[in-house]
Protein backbone atom coordinates (compact mmCIF):
# COMPACT_ATOMS: atom_id res chain seq x y z
CA MET A 1 -0.08 -0.12 0.15
CA PRO A 2 1.44 3.46 -0.72
CA GLY A 3 2.65 6.00 1.63
CA GLY A 4 2.73 9.74 1.20
CA GLU A 5 3.15 13.10 1.83
CA ALA A 6 -0.29 14.53 1.17
CA PHE A 7 -3.38 14.09 3.32
CA ILE A 8 -6.63 14.12 1.54
CA ASP A 9 -9.59 15.36 3.27
CA SER A 10 -13.22 13.46 2.95
CA SER A 11 -15.03 16.99 1.59
CA VAL A 12 -12.45 16.69 -1.80
CA VAL A 13 -12.67 12.70 -2.02
CA LEU A 14 -16.34 12.92 -2.41
CA TYR A 15 -16.24 15.17 -5.53
CA LEU A 16 -15.79 11.43 -7.03
CA LEU A 17 -19.43 11.29 -6.47
CA SER A 18 -20.63 14.96 -7.07
CA GLY A 19 -21.41 14.81 -10.76
CA ASP A 20 -18.99 17.37 -11.43
CA ASP A 21 -16.78 15.95 -13.97
CA VAL A 22 -14.06 18.66 -13.90
CA LYS A 23 -13.65 18.27 -9.89
CA ALA A 24 -14.06 14.35 -10.25
CA SER A 25 -10.95 14.30 -12.61
CA ARG A 26 -8.77 16.52 -10.32
CA VAL A 27 -9.32 14.19 -7.17
CA GLU A 28 -8.65 11.23 -9.53
CA GLN A 29 -5.24 12.94 -10.40
CA LEU A 30 -4.73 13.36 -6.93
CA LEU A 31 -5.22 9.68 -6.03
CA LEU A 32 -2.48 8.45 -8.45
CA ARG A 33 -0.06 10.37 -6.11
CA PRO A 34 1.14 8.86 -2.87
CA ALA A 35 -1.63 10.12 -0.13
CA VAL A 36 -2.61 9.72 3.26
CA VAL A 37 -6.14 9.00 4.67
CA SER A 38 -7.12 8.68 8.02
CA VAL A 39 -10.09 6.40 9.59
CA GLN A 40 -12.01 9.35 10.26
CA VAL A 41 -12.05 10.36 6.88
CA LEU A 42 -13.52 7.40 5.81
CA ASN A 43 -15.94 7.54 8.68
CA GLU A 44 -17.25 10.84 6.97
CA ILE A 45 -17.29 9.67 3.80
CA ALA A 46 -19.11 6.56 4.67
CA ALA A 47 -21.93 8.61 6.47
CA VAL A 48 -22.02 10.99 3.37
CA THR A 49 -22.40 8.05 0.91
CA LEU A 50 -24.88 6.41 2.92
CA ARG A 51 -27.25 9.31 3.57
CA LYS A 52 -26.63 12.00 0.99
CA HIS A 53 -25.65 9.85 -2.08
CA ALA A 54 -28.30 6.96 -0.78
CA LEU A 55 -25.81 4.42 -1.66
CA SER A 56 -26.29 0.94 0.04
CA PRO A 57 -23.98 -0.31 2.67
CA ALA A 58 -22.31 -2.59 0.06
CA GLU A 59 -21.83 0.16 -2.78
CA ALA A 60 -20.27 2.54 0.21
CA ARG A 61 -18.16 -0.36 1.29
CA GLU A 62 -16.89 -0.95 -2.56
CA PHE A 63 -16.26 2.82 -3.00
CA LEU A 64 -14.44 3.11 0.41
CA ALA A 65 -12.54 0.28 -0.68
CA GLY A 66 -11.33 1.90 -3.89
CA ILE A 67 -10.09 4.96 -1.36
CA ARG A 68 -8.03 2.72 0.93
CA GLU A 69 -6.32 0.77 -2.18
CA CYS A 70 -5.16 4.23 -3.35
CA CYS A 71 -3.96 5.55 0.26
CA LEU A 72 -2.71 4.63 3.27
CA THR A 73 -5.29 4.89 5.97
CA ARG A 74 -4.03 5.52 9.23
CA PRO A 75 -5.57 4.78 12.69
CA ILE A 76 -6.58 7.80 14.98
CA THR A 77 -5.45 7.38 18.52
CA VAL A 78 -5.64 9.20 22.10
CA GLU A 79 -2.10 11.18 20.90
CA THR A 80 -4.27 12.41 17.86
CA HIS A 81 -6.94 13.23 19.98
CA ASP A 82 -4.96 15.18 22.11
CA ARG A 83 -3.02 16.92 19.35
CA GLY A 84 -6.34 17.55 17.75
CA LEU A 85 -7.76 19.52 20.99
CA ASP A 86 -4.24 21.48 20.84
CA ILE A 87 -4.85 22.41 17.30
CA VAL A 88 -8.43 23.53 18.35
CA ALA A 89 -7.05 25.82 21.01
CA ARG A 90 -4.35 27.07 18.72
CA TYR A 91 -6.28 27.50 15.43
CA GLY A 92 -9.67 28.32 16.28
CA PHE A 93 -10.03 25.33 13.68
CA SER A 94 -13.43 23.22 14.03
CA LEU A 95 -12.92 19.94 16.24
CA TYR A 96 -13.42 17.32 13.06
CA ASP A 97 -11.09 19.93 11.16
CA SER A 98 -8.53 19.67 13.86
CA MET A 99 -8.47 16.12 14.16
CA ILE A 100 -7.76 15.89 10.57
CA VAL A 101 -4.90 18.27 10.74
CA ALA A 102 -3.53 16.26 13.66
CA SER A 103 -3.61 12.99 11.78
CA ALA A 104 -1.71 15.22 8.76
CA LEU A 105 0.90 16.13 10.92
CA GLU A 106 1.22 13.19 13.07
CA HIS A 107 1.72 11.08 10.11
CA GLY A 108 4.45 13.57 8.42
CA CYS A 109 2.25 15.28 5.72
CA ARG A 110 3.43 18.52 4.12
CA ALA A 111 0.41 18.99 2.17
CA LEU A 112 -3.53 19.11 3.21
CA TYR A 113 -5.92 18.60 0.35
CA SER A 114 -9.31 20.19 1.68
CA GLU A 115 -11.66 22.94 0.91
CA ASP A 116 -12.38 23.25 4.54
CA LEU A 117 -9.36 25.39 5.63
CA GLN A 118 -7.76 28.62 4.04
CA HIS A 119 -5.90 27.62 0.90
CA GLY A 120 -2.29 28.55 1.23
CA GLN A 121 -2.38 28.13 5.16
CA VAL A 122 0.76 26.68 6.64
CA ILE A 123 0.40 24.93 10.35
CA ASP A 124 3.37 24.45 12.24
CA LYS A 125 5.39 25.51 9.74
CA ARG A 126 5.44 22.35 7.95
CA LEU A 127 1.98 21.42 6.62
CA LYS A 128 0.49 23.47 3.96
CA VAL A 129 -3.51 23.56 3.30
CA VAL A 130 -3.97 23.14 -0.57
CA ASN A 131 -7.70 23.38 -2.09
CA PRO A 132 -6.95 21.53 -5.09
CA PHE A 133 -9.97 23.22 -6.91
CA ALA A 134 -9.01 26.81 -5.97
CA GLU A 135 -7.80 28.90 -9.51
């Protein structure tokens, strides 16, 4: 399974199901490179695919299996949780965004592909937020 220096947020991955061919194509390009997701990202994707996209559990599992084949999947630990709370306090991000940031930092990623944070922001002097759809 590949490893990587980029962490991909659920909001980006979900464009694969959006009907937006341009953004879906961009996500496919990102998934061709080594990347990391956390179990939190998989859970968020599962929730949206089941609720919003009305996939069956089997279809959601198949979609997630494809993501897991492309990305190194990392667990959420108590240390990730504690670091995420530190990020909430330091940067004022939402709890869930902070857990994503904590996971990306914990796994040595240099880029975080997300639409949910400020494009170009650098966190802890080493993790750059990249909106893959920014012009």
